């Protein structure tokens, strides 16, 4: 049996929502993955009379496509969509059957209006929490538009293909055989990439806001909700909703939830924000802030938004090591997400740069997948919690090198090694390996503010109400000088900044 009893129970409820009949066209061989795939589609068909199976030959074996009777929808799974991709499978069944997707009508119209032929292929791993967003967006585009097709390819099932295309990060997407992009991409981002975007004048002509939140992570979502609950005109402009938590896997310290995952938490945040009358402007990046009669935020597309008060919650991003080879080999052996990209390095030798909690958690995770992990720590001691260090030192395939200053990540078309210097002796050493995971903390996303807002080491300086040095401008979350960078603290600071900004509005 492929599916356990709990999953079957949940699946049975979803399959009751199927509207029309669905035909699974299956291309199977005599290998193990094929037999597991046949078992999975067999179980699906046994659970609903609306699911039919037909054997055929598709471009890849093992694979199966999800179709309407008499019509190919262009949705194909090469491999077995379990793990994080199980939801992608369930959604494709429902949407192909005729069930309406939970997407804004504006976006649906945008997809339907695309002209031309677009054949997408996405390479994923079943442990990647960023991959389902990409797979589900591409599947939806295929279902809505007859000129678009999409095949999800599990890298573990098609190893030779992955290696021949030099794919070392997931998700990696190809369009009509050419590289299209890698990493998390939303449906709106992919539409923008193929040139289908809403007009900038749509944003430029907006009425001024009472409160405008810049950034859509936990701090921004919290600030927007607190502002909207005061009954004032609220907007939120974000490069991607969810922010940094979209790249966070297990979250075990968010009080009231024993365990959740970043993308799941981001989805519930967005859902909560949408409960209120908040103008959400996604996929927009701020490039300038200026205080005139109102506070003006200029976006990279040229539009200028105006507001009586502004809350900056632009968060932080992974810190780069800043050595030769890092930028050149990004996604070609240099990676930042061990959960997503770890499976692509199965049986290989990798390094983790960074001995804090995130670095040591990454090393422990990777040790279960790869042949050997070398941890490089700049200081004379690891900074991770002792419970993590104990676990790390109990593993047989991990080496820890302290006082190591990374000098270069080497390679030709992909990473083949790392060079470091012993900070005590000055002696340089080179290690041959195939992957480098960078885990050295965060940098606040505040460069765009220039001299207008007071900052220390890039972090926005705020008072106890979240106010900055510029009247009417408040800030919250990981972009500020808060003592600790935690989701729960960001949310609290978002609420504080919104209440502080509301107080400012009342008095002015």
Protein backbone atom coordinates (compact mmCIF):
# COMPACT_ATOMS: atom_id res chain seq x y z
CA UNK A 1 0.00 0.00 0.00
CA UNK A 2 1.52 3.35 -1.11
CA UNK A 3 -0.63 5.62 1.07
CA UNK A 4 -1.03 5.25 4.83
CA UNK A 5 -4.47 5.18 6.48
CA UNK A 6 -4.38 8.84 7.62
CA UNK A 7 -3.50 10.16 4.16
CA UNK A 8 -6.15 7.91 2.58
CA UNK A 9 -8.74 9.35 4.98
CA UNK A 10 -7.86 12.92 3.98
CA UNK A 11 -7.65 11.99 0.30
CA UNK A 12 -11.11 10.37 0.33
CA UNK A 13 -12.60 13.73 1.46
CA UNK A 14 -10.84 15.61 -1.35
CA UNK A 15 -11.81 13.08 -4.02
CA UNK A 16 -15.48 13.59 -3.11
CA UNK A 17 -15.02 17.14 -4.45
CA UNK A 18 -14.16 15.93 -7.98
CA UNK A 19 -16.65 17.43 -10.43
CA UNK A 20 -16.07 15.70 -13.77
CA UNK A 21 -14.21 12.54 -14.81
CA UNK A 22 -10.40 12.51 -14.84
CA UNK A 23 -8.24 10.27 -17.05
CA UNK A 24 -4.73 9.32 -15.87
CA UNK A 25 -2.55 8.32 -18.86
CA UNK A 26 0.25 6.17 -17.48
CA UNK A 27 3.64 5.41 -19.03
CA UNK A 28 5.35 2.67 -16.96
CA UNK A 29 8.33 0.37 -17.37
CA UNK A 30 9.58 -2.59 -15.32
CA UNK A 31 11.64 -0.51 -12.83
CA UNK A 32 10.84 0.02 -9.13
CA UNK A 33 9.64 3.62 -9.55
CA UNK A 34 7.22 2.47 -12.29
CA UNK A 35 5.73 -0.23 -10.08
CA UNK A 36 5.32 2.23 -7.19
CA UNK A 37 3.70 4.74 -9.56
CA UNK A 38 1.28 2.08 -10.86
CA UNK A 39 0.40 1.25 -7.25
CA UNK A 40 -0.30 4.93 -6.51
CA UNK A 41 -2.54 5.55 -9.54
CA UNK A 42 -4.28 2.23 -8.87
CA UNK A 43 -5.09 3.35 -5.31
CA UNK A 44 -6.39 6.70 -6.59
CA UNK A 45 -8.68 4.97 -9.12
CA UNK A 46 -9.93 2.53 -6.46
CA UNK A 47 -10.99 5.48 -4.28
CA UNK A 48 -13.12 7.32 -6.87
CA UNK A 49 -15.28 6.13 -9.73
CA UNK A 50 -14.47 9.44 -11.49
CA UNK A 51 -10.78 8.50 -11.96
CA UNK A 52 -9.96 6.31 -14.98
CA UNK A 53 -6.57 4.86 -16.05
CA UNK A 54 -5.21 4.31 -19.56
CA UNK A 55 -1.77 2.89 -20.39
CA UNK A 56 0.20 4.83 -22.99
CA UNK A 57 3.71 6.01 -23.90
CA UNK A 58 4.70 9.49 -22.73
CA UNK A 59 7.97 11.39 -23.29
CA UNK A 60 9.40 10.03 -20.01
CA UNK A 61 8.95 6.69 -18.28
CA UNK A 62 7.86 6.42 -15.50
CA UNK A 63 5.30 9.25 -15.72
CA UNK A 64 1.57 9.92 -15.88
CA UNK A 65 -0.56 12.79 -17.13
CA UNK A 66 -3.81 14.14 -15.63
CA UNK A 67 -6.46 14.86 -18.26
CA UNK A 68 -10.10 15.56 -18.95
CA UNK A 69 -11.79 12.81 -21.00
CA UNK A 70 -11.01 13.53 -24.66
CA UNK A 71 -8.71 16.47 -23.86
CA UNK A 72 -5.04 16.62 -22.85
CA UNK A 73 -4.57 19.33 -20.23
CA UNK A 74 -0.77 19.31 -20.42
CA UNK A 75 -0.20 18.33 -16.76
CA UNK A 76 2.36 15.52 -16.34
CA UNK A 77 4.14 14.05 -13.30
CA UNK A 78 7.43 12.27 -14.10
CA UNK A 79 8.15 10.32 -10.92
CA UNK A 80 5.88 9.88 -7.91
CA UNK A 81 4.34 13.08 -6.52
CA UNK A 82 4.43 12.19 -2.82
CA UNK A 83 6.16 14.09 0.02
CA UNK A 84 5.74 17.83 -0.46
CA UNK A 85 4.29 17.25 -3.95
CA UNK A 86 1.27 15.22 -2.78
CA UNK A 87 -0.75 18.46 -2.55
CA UNK A 88 0.24 19.27 -6.15
CA UNK A 89 -1.23 15.93 -7.26
CA UNK A 90 -4.49 16.43 -5.33
CA UNK A 91 -4.94 19.99 -6.64
CA UNK A 92 -4.32 18.88 -10.23
CA UNK A 93 -6.99 16.18 -9.92
CA UNK A 94 -9.52 18.68 -8.52
CA UNK A 95 -8.73 21.47 -11.02
CA UNK A 96 -8.70 19.15 -14.07
CA UNK A 97 -12.06 17.77 -12.91
CA UNK A 98 -13.47 21.29 -13.21
CA UNK A 99 -13.16 22.62 -9.68
CA UNK A 100 -12.36 26.36 -9.65
CA UNK A 101 -8.87 27.24 -8.35
CA UNK A 102 -8.48 29.58 -5.35
CA UNK A 103 -6.82 32.34 -7.39
CA UNK A 104 -7.91 35.93 -8.08
CA UNK A 105 -10.04 36.20 -11.23
CA UNK A 106 -7.65 38.91 -12.49
CA UNK A 107 -4.78 36.35 -12.49
CA UNK A 108 -6.95 33.68 -14.17
CA UNK A 109 -7.83 36.14 -16.97
CA UNK A 110 -4.12 37.01 -17.30
CA UNK A 111 -3.19 33.31 -17.78
CA UNK A 112 -6.01 32.70 -20.27
CA UNK A 113 -4.95 35.70 -22.38
CA UNK A 114 -1.39 34.38 -23.00
CA UNK A 115 -0.79 33.62 -26.68
CA UNK A 116 1.77 31.15 -28.03
CA UNK A 117 3.20 27.75 -27.04
CA UNK A 118 4.88 27.39 -23.66
CA UNK A 119 6.25 23.97 -22.68
CA UNK A 120 7.51 24.07 -19.09
CA UNK A 121 9.57 21.40 -17.28
CA UNK A 122 10.31 21.73 -13.55
CA UNK A 123 13.01 19.66 -11.82
CA UNK A 124 12.16 19.15 -8.14
CA UNK A 125 12.97 17.04 -5.10
CA UNK A 126 10.19 15.60 -2.94
CA UNK A 127 11.77 17.10 0.22
CA UNK A 128 11.82 20.64 -1.25
CA UNK A 129 9.28 22.95 0.39
CA UNK A 130 9.77 25.64 -2.30
CA UNK A 131 8.96 23.29 -5.19
CA UNK A 132 5.18 22.76 -4.75
CA UNK A 133 4.45 26.48 -5.30
CA UNK A 134 6.21 26.34 -8.66
CA UNK A 135 4.68 22.98 -9.66
CA UNK A 136 1.15 24.07 -8.68
CA UNK A 137 1.45 27.42 -10.50
CA UNK A 138 2.69 25.76 -13.73
CA UNK A 139 0.02 23.04 -13.51
CA UNK A 140 -2.67 25.69 -13.10
CA UNK A 141 -1.36 27.62 -16.13
CA UNK A 142 -1.50 24.38 -18.18
CA UNK A 143 -5.08 23.64 -17.08
CA UNK A 144 -6.29 27.19 -17.87
CA UNK A 145 -4.49 27.73 -21.19
CA UNK A 146 -4.32 25.11 -24.02
CA UNK A 147 -1.04 26.63 -25.30
CA UNK A 148 0.79 25.79 -22.02
CA UNK A 149 2.05 22.38 -20.82
CA UNK A 150 4.01 21.41 -17.72
CA UNK A 151 5.92 18.31 -16.64
CA UNK A 152 7.13 17.94 -13.03
CA UNK A 153 10.32 15.84 -12.94
CA UNK A 154 11.51 14.24 -9.70
CA UNK A 155 15.31 14.57 -9.80
CA UNK A 156 15.77 11.37 -7.76
CA UNK A 157 13.84 9.32 -10.35
CA UNK A 158 15.63 10.90 -13.35
CA UNK A 159 19.20 11.24 -12.04
CA UNK A 160 20.94 10.93 -15.42
CA UNK A 161 18.78 13.66 -16.95
CA UNK A 162 19.46 15.96 -13.97
CA UNK A 163 23.22 15.39 -14.20
CA UNK A 164 23.33 15.83 -17.98
CA UNK A 165 21.62 19.24 -17.58
CA UNK A 166 23.94 20.15 -14.67
CA UNK A 167 20.98 20.85 -12.35
CA UNK A 168 22.27 21.44 -8.80
CA UNK A 169 19.37 23.36 -7.23
CA UNK A 170 15.63 22.84 -7.08
CA UNK A 171 13.20 23.91 -8.28
CA UNK A 172 14.82 24.54 -11.66
CA UNK A 173 12.46 25.37 -14.52
CA UNK A 174 13.02 25.06 -18.27
CA UNK A 175 10.77 26.72 -20.86
CA UNK A 176 10.78 25.31 -24.41
CA UNK A 177 14.10 23.57 -23.61
CA UNK A 178 15.86 26.72 -22.37
CA UNK A 179 16.65 27.64 -18.74
CA UNK A 180 13.78 29.77 -17.34
CA UNK A 181 14.64 30.18 -13.65
CA UNK A 182 15.40 28.47 -10.36
CA UNK A 183 14.25 28.87 -6.77
CA UNK A 184 10.83 29.76 -5.44
CA UNK A 185 8.64 31.61 -7.95
CA UNK A 186 5.01 32.57 -7.53
CA UNK A 187 2.43 32.40 -10.30
CA UNK A 188 2.53 36.21 -10.59
CA UNK A 189 6.36 36.19 -10.83
CA UNK A 190 6.27 33.61 -13.63
CA UNK A 191 3.63 35.59 -15.50
CA UNK A 192 5.83 38.69 -15.15
CA UNK A 193 8.79 36.70 -16.53
CA UNK A 194 6.92 35.76 -19.69
CA UNK A 195 5.86 39.39 -20.11
CA UNK A 196 2.30 39.27 -18.79
CA UNK A 197 2.07 41.97 -16.07
CA UNK A 198 -0.46 44.50 -14.83
CA UNK A 199 0.24 48.09 -15.93
CA UNK A 200 2.35 50.32 -13.62
CA UNK A 201 -0.15 53.17 -14.11
CA UNK A 202 -2.65 51.03 -12.17
CA UNK A 203 -0.46 51.55 -9.07
CA UNK A 204 0.49 55.17 -9.76
CA UNK A 205 -3.15 56.30 -9.79
CA UNK A 206 -4.01 54.98 -6.32
CA UNK A 207 -5.49 57.37 -3.74
CA UNK A 208 -3.11 58.18 -0.84
CA UNK A 209 -3.17 55.64 2.03
CA UNK A 210 -3.58 56.38 5.73
CA UNK A 211 -1.03 53.66 6.43
CA UNK A 212 1.20 51.91 3.90
CA UNK A 213 3.19 48.83 4.93
CA UNK A 214 6.33 48.03 2.87
CA UNK A 215 7.13 44.30 3.14
CA UNK A 216 4.89 41.24 3.39
CA UNK A 217 6.58 38.98 5.96
CA UNK A 218 5.28 38.25 9.49
CA UNK A 219 5.98 41.83 10.66
CA UNK A 220 4.27 43.40 7.62
CA UNK A 221 1.23 41.11 7.77
CA UNK A 222 0.80 41.81 11.48
CA UNK A 223 1.16 45.59 10.97
CA UNK A 224 -1.37 45.61 8.10
CA UNK A 225 -3.96 43.66 10.11
CA UNK A 226 -3.58 45.92 13.16
CA UNK A 227 -3.89 49.02 10.94
CA UNK A 228 -6.93 47.74 9.00
CA UNK A 229 -8.72 46.87 12.25
CA UNK A 230 -8.61 50.59 13.10
CA UNK A 231 -10.81 51.23 10.05
CA UNK A 232 -8.20 53.29 8.16
CA UNK A 233 -7.18 53.02 4.49
CA UNK A 234 -4.38 50.43 4.54
CA UNK A 235 -2.08 49.14 1.80
CA UNK A 236 0.68 46.55 1.80
CA UNK A 237 3.33 46.52 -0.93
CA UNK A 238 5.59 43.43 -1.02
CA UNK A 239 8.16 41.80 -3.24
CA UNK A 240 6.83 38.39 -2.20
CA UNK A 241 4.26 37.64 0.45
CA UNK A 242 5.68 35.70 3.39
CA UNK A 243 9.23 37.05 3.01
CA UNK A 244 12.08 35.07 4.57
CA UNK A 245 9.78 32.44 6.15
CA UNK A 246 9.09 31.14 2.64
CA UNK A 247 12.63 29.69 2.83
CA UNK A 248 12.21 28.26 6.35
CA UNK A 249 11.36 24.61 6.76
CA UNK A 250 10.52 23.38 10.27
CA UNK A 251 9.23 25.98 12.75
CA UNK A 252 8.99 24.56 16.27
CA UNK A 253 9.18 27.72 18.42
CA UNK A 254 6.08 29.58 17.19
CA UNK A 255 4.04 29.60 20.37
CA UNK A 256 0.63 27.84 20.16
CA UNK A 257 1.81 25.58 17.29
CA UNK A 258 3.99 22.58 18.06
CA UNK A 259 5.20 22.48 14.48
CA UNK A 260 4.55 24.26 11.21
CA UNK A 261 6.43 25.01 8.01
CA UNK A 262 7.31 28.43 6.59
CA UNK A 263 5.26 28.31 3.37
CA UNK A 264 2.26 27.02 5.35
CA UNK A 265 2.56 29.88 7.84
CA UNK A 266 2.96 32.39 4.98
CA UNK A 267 -0.24 31.10 3.35
CA UNK A 268 -2.22 31.51 6.59
CA UNK A 269 -0.78 35.03 7.06
CA UNK A 270 -1.91 35.99 3.55
CA UNK A 271 -5.34 34.46 4.16
CA UNK A 272 -5.70 36.48 7.39
CA UNK A 273 -4.63 39.73 5.66
CA UNK A 274 -7.22 39.10 2.92
CA UNK A 275 -9.96 38.94 5.57
CA UNK A 276 -9.61 42.73 5.83
CA UNK A 277 -10.01 45.57 3.37
CA UNK A 278 -6.26 45.83 2.68
CA UNK A 279 -4.93 46.79 -0.75
CA UNK A 280 -2.29 44.10 -1.45
CA UNK A 281 0.29 45.07 -4.10
CA UNK A 282 2.43 41.99 -4.65
CA UNK A 283 5.65 41.58 -6.70
CA UNK A 284 6.63 45.21 -6.13
CA UNK A 285 9.99 46.40 -4.88
CA UNK A 286 10.47 49.78 -3.21
CA UNK A 287 13.43 51.88 -4.37
CA UNK A 288 13.07 55.30 -2.69
CA UNK A 289 11.39 56.92 0.34
CA UNK A 290 10.86 60.66 0.56
CA UNK A 291 8.87 62.80 3.01
CA UNK A 292 6.99 65.68 1.38
CA UNK A 293 3.47 66.74 2.41
CA UNK A 294 2.80 62.98 2.48
CA UNK A 295 5.37 60.18 2.62
CA UNK A 296 6.18 58.92 -0.88
CA UNK A 297 7.38 55.42 -1.74
CA UNK A 298 8.70 55.06 -5.28
CA UNK A 299 8.63 51.54 -6.71
CA UNK A 300 11.10 50.02 -9.16
CA UNK A 301 8.44 50.11 -11.91
CA UNK A 302 8.31 53.92 -11.54
CA UNK A 303 4.96 54.15 -9.74
CA UNK A 304 4.84 56.40 -6.64
CA UNK A 305 2.58 55.48 -3.69
CA UNK A 306 1.65 58.12 -1.10
CA UNK A 307 0.66 57.67 2.53
CA UNK A 308 0.18 59.67 5.77
CA UNK A 309 2.19 57.03 7.70
CA UNK A 310 4.52 54.26 6.52
CA UNK A 311 5.71 51.06 8.22
CA UNK A 312 8.94 49.55 6.89
CA UNK A 313 9.04 45.77 7.33
CA UNK A 314 11.38 44.75 4.52
CA UNK A 315 13.02 41.92 6.48
CA UNK A 316 16.41 40.41 5.75
CA UNK A 317 18.09 38.05 3.26
CA UNK A 318 20.79 35.38 3.46
CA UNK A 319 24.23 36.89 4.03
CA UNK A 320 26.78 36.08 1.29
CA UNK A 321 30.35 35.04 2.12
CA UNK A 322 31.57 37.46 -0.54
CA UNK A 323 34.43 35.34 -1.89
CA UNK A 324 35.42 34.53 -5.49
CA UNK A 325 33.29 31.69 -6.90
CA UNK A 326 30.23 32.28 -4.71
CA UNK A 327 28.20 34.29 -7.24
CA UNK A 328 29.58 32.40 -10.26
CA UNK A 329 28.56 28.99 -8.89
CA UNK A 330 25.22 29.93 -7.26
CA UNK A 331 22.84 27.02 -8.07
CA UNK A 332 25.85 25.20 -9.59
CA UNK A 333 27.03 23.80 -6.28
CA UNK A 334 26.66 26.91 -4.08
CA UNK A 335 23.34 26.67 -2.20
CA UNK A 336 21.55 28.38 0.67
CA UNK A 337 18.71 25.92 1.43
CA UNK A 338 19.78 22.47 2.69
CA UNK A 339 16.18 21.14 2.75
CA UNK A 340 15.57 22.05 -0.91
CA UNK A 341 18.89 21.21 -2.51
CA UNK A 342 20.32 18.59 -0.13
CA UNK A 343 18.89 15.56 -2.05
CA UNK A 344 20.74 16.63 -5.22
CA UNK A 345 24.05 16.06 -3.38
CA UNK A 346 23.27 12.48 -2.30
CA UNK A 347 26.52 10.51 -1.95
CA UNK A 348 28.70 13.62 -2.47
CA UNK A 349 31.04 15.65 -0.28
CA UNK A 350 29.77 19.11 0.77
CA UNK A 351 30.82 21.96 3.05
CA UNK A 352 28.67 24.10 5.31
CA UNK A 353 30.02 27.61 6.02
CA UNK A 354 28.79 28.78 9.43
CA UNK A 355 28.74 27.30 12.93
CA UNK A 356 25.61 29.00 14.32
CA UNK A 357 22.29 27.21 14.82
CA UNK A 358 21.30 27.37 11.15
CA UNK A 359 24.71 26.09 10.01
CA UNK A 360 24.80 23.17 12.42
CA UNK A 361 21.14 22.24 11.73
CA UNK A 362 22.05 22.24 8.01
CA UNK A 363 25.10 20.02 8.64
CA UNK A 364 23.03 17.52 10.67
CA UNK A 365 20.35 17.40 7.94
CA UNK A 366 22.88 17.00 5.14
CA UNK A 367 24.84 14.28 6.98
CA UNK A 368 21.81 12.00 6.53
CA UNK A 369 21.91 12.44 2.74
CA UNK A 370 25.46 13.16 1.57
CA UNK A 371 28.69 11.17 1.86
CA UNK A 372 30.56 13.70 4.01
CA UNK A 373 30.00 17.18 5.50
CA UNK A 374 32.81 19.60 6.40
CA UNK A 375 31.74 22.50 8.66
CA UNK A 376 33.88 25.66 8.36
CA UNK A 377 33.59 28.05 11.34
CA UNK A 378 35.36 31.42 11.35
CA UNK A 379 35.66 31.65 15.18
CA UNK A 380 37.55 29.40 17.57
CA UNK A 381 34.24 27.86 18.82
CA UNK A 382 30.90 26.87 17.26
CA UNK A 383 28.09 29.26 18.24
CA UNK A 384 25.24 26.73 17.94
CA UNK A 385 23.22 25.52 20.95
CA UNK A 386 25.01 22.73 22.84
CA UNK A 387 22.21 20.22 22.11
CA UNK A 388 22.86 20.72 18.36
CA UNK A 389 26.63 20.47 18.82
CA UNK A 390 26.24 17.17 20.73
CA UNK A 391 24.13 15.76 17.90
CA UNK A 392 26.64 16.98 15.27
CA UNK A 393 29.66 15.46 17.01
CA UNK A 394 27.84 12.11 17.31
CA UNK A 395 27.71 11.78 13.50
CA UNK A 396 30.43 9.68 11.81
CA UNK A 397 30.57 11.58 8.49
CA UNK A 398 31.11 15.16 9.73
CA UNK A 399 34.38 17.11 10.11
CA UNK A 400 34.45 20.47 11.92
CA UNK A 401 37.21 22.98 11.10
CA UNK A 402 37.39 26.06 13.35
CA UNK A 403 39.31 29.32 12.82
CA UNK A 404 38.69 28.83 9.09
CA UNK A 405 38.42 31.87 6.84
CA UNK A 406 36.91 30.95 3.47
CA UNK A 407 39.01 32.39 0.63
CA UNK A 408 37.54 30.93 -2.57
CA UNK A 409 34.95 28.50 -3.92
CA UNK A 410 36.57 26.79 -6.91
CA UNK A 411 35.16 25.08 -9.98
CA UNK A 412 34.91 25.08 -13.77
CA UNK A 413 31.27 24.71 -14.84
CA UNK A 414 30.29 23.72 -11.29
CA UNK A 415 31.82 23.63 -7.79
CA UNK A 416 34.79 21.31 -7.32
CA UNK A 417 36.30 22.59 -4.07
CA UNK A 418 36.81 25.25 -1.41
CA UNK A 419 39.95 27.03 -0.21
CA UNK A 420 40.28 28.34 3.36
CA UNK A 421 43.00 29.86 5.53
CA UNK A 422 43.72 28.81 9.13
CA UNK A 423 43.40 32.13 11.01
CA UNK A 424 45.99 31.01 13.63
CA UNK A 425 48.78 29.83 11.34
CA UNK A 426 47.93 31.66 8.08
CA UNK A 427 48.24 28.34 6.25
CA UNK A 428 45.96 27.83 3.21
CA UNK A 429 44.21 24.49 2.55
CA UNK A 430 42.01 23.23 -0.28
CA UNK A 431 39.23 20.62 0.06
CA UNK A 432 37.83 18.82 -2.97
CA UNK A 433 34.02 18.69 -2.80
CA UNK A 434 30.89 19.12 -4.91
CA UNK A 435 28.68 21.49 -2.89
CA UNK A 436 28.89 24.46 -0.52
CA UNK A 437 25.97 25.51 1.72
CA UNK A 438 26.24 29.08 3.04
CA UNK A 439 24.64 29.59 6.47
CA UNK A 440 26.14 32.75 8.01
CA UNK A 441 23.13 34.76 9.08
CA UNK A 442 21.12 37.62 7.61
CA UNK A 443 21.52 41.11 6.11
CA UNK A 444 18.67 43.68 6.49
CA UNK A 445 16.98 44.76 3.23
CA UNK A 446 17.45 48.48 3.82
CA UNK A 447 20.07 49.60 1.24
CA UNK A 448 17.36 51.41 -0.76
CA UNK A 449 16.69 53.88 2.10
CA UNK A 450 19.97 55.77 1.61
CA UNK A 451 20.49 58.54 4.21
CA UNK A 452 16.79 59.27 4.86
CA UNK A 453 16.39 56.86 7.79
CA UNK A 454 18.85 56.36 10.65
CA UNK A 455 20.48 52.91 10.53
CA UNK A 456 23.17 51.05 12.45
CA UNK A 457 25.02 48.27 10.54
CA UNK A 458 22.16 48.46 8.06
CA UNK A 459 19.47 47.92 10.72
CA UNK A 460 16.78 50.64 11.08
CA UNK A 461 16.95 52.28 14.53
CA UNK A 462 13.49 52.34 16.20
CA UNK A 463 12.13 53.42 19.59
CA UNK A 464 9.75 51.48 21.83
CA UNK A 465 6.78 52.45 19.61
CA UNK A 466 8.53 51.35 16.41
CA UNK A 467 9.15 54.98 15.32
CA UNK A 468 12.20 55.89 13.22
CA UNK A 469 13.99 59.28 13.20
CA UNK A 470 11.63 60.49 10.41
CA UNK A 471 8.16 61.52 11.71
CA UNK A 472 5.41 59.28 10.32
CA UNK A 473 7.83 56.49 9.34
CA UNK A 474 7.84 53.39 11.56
CA UNK A 475 9.65 50.05 11.18
CA UNK A 476 9.29 46.46 12.40
CA UNK A 477 10.83 43.00 12.18
CA UNK A 478 14.22 41.76 10.98
CA UNK A 479 15.09 45.03 9.15
CA UNK A 480 15.26 46.85 12.53
CA UNK A 481 17.74 46.84 15.42
CA UNK A 482 15.55 44.41 17.40
CA UNK A 483 17.70 42.30 19.71
CA UNK A 484 16.51 38.94 18.34
CA UNK A 485 15.36 37.86 14.88
CA UNK A 486 12.43 35.51 15.48
CA UNK A 487 9.04 35.20 13.74
CA UNK A 488 7.09 35.75 16.93
CA UNK A 489 9.13 38.88 17.77
CA UNK A 490 8.61 40.25 14.24
CA UNK A 491 4.86 39.82 14.55
CA UNK A 492 4.81 41.60 17.91
CA UNK A 493 6.91 44.45 16.55
CA UNK A 494 4.57 44.74 13.53
CA UNK A 495 1.63 45.21 15.88
CA UNK A 496 3.62 47.74 17.96
CA UNK A 497 4.57 49.77 14.87
CA UNK A 498 0.96 49.81 13.60
CA UNK A 499 -0.34 51.01 16.99
CA UNK A 500 2.48 53.58 17.19
CA UNK A 501 1.69 54.81 13.67
CA UNK A 502 -2.05 55.01 14.44
CA UNK A 503 -1.27 57.05 17.56
CA UNK A 504 0.86 59.37 15.37
CA UNK A 505 -2.03 59.79 12.87
CA UNK A 506 -4.51 60.69 15.63
CA UNK A 507 -2.16 63.36 17.04
CA UNK A 508 -1.25 64.84 13.66
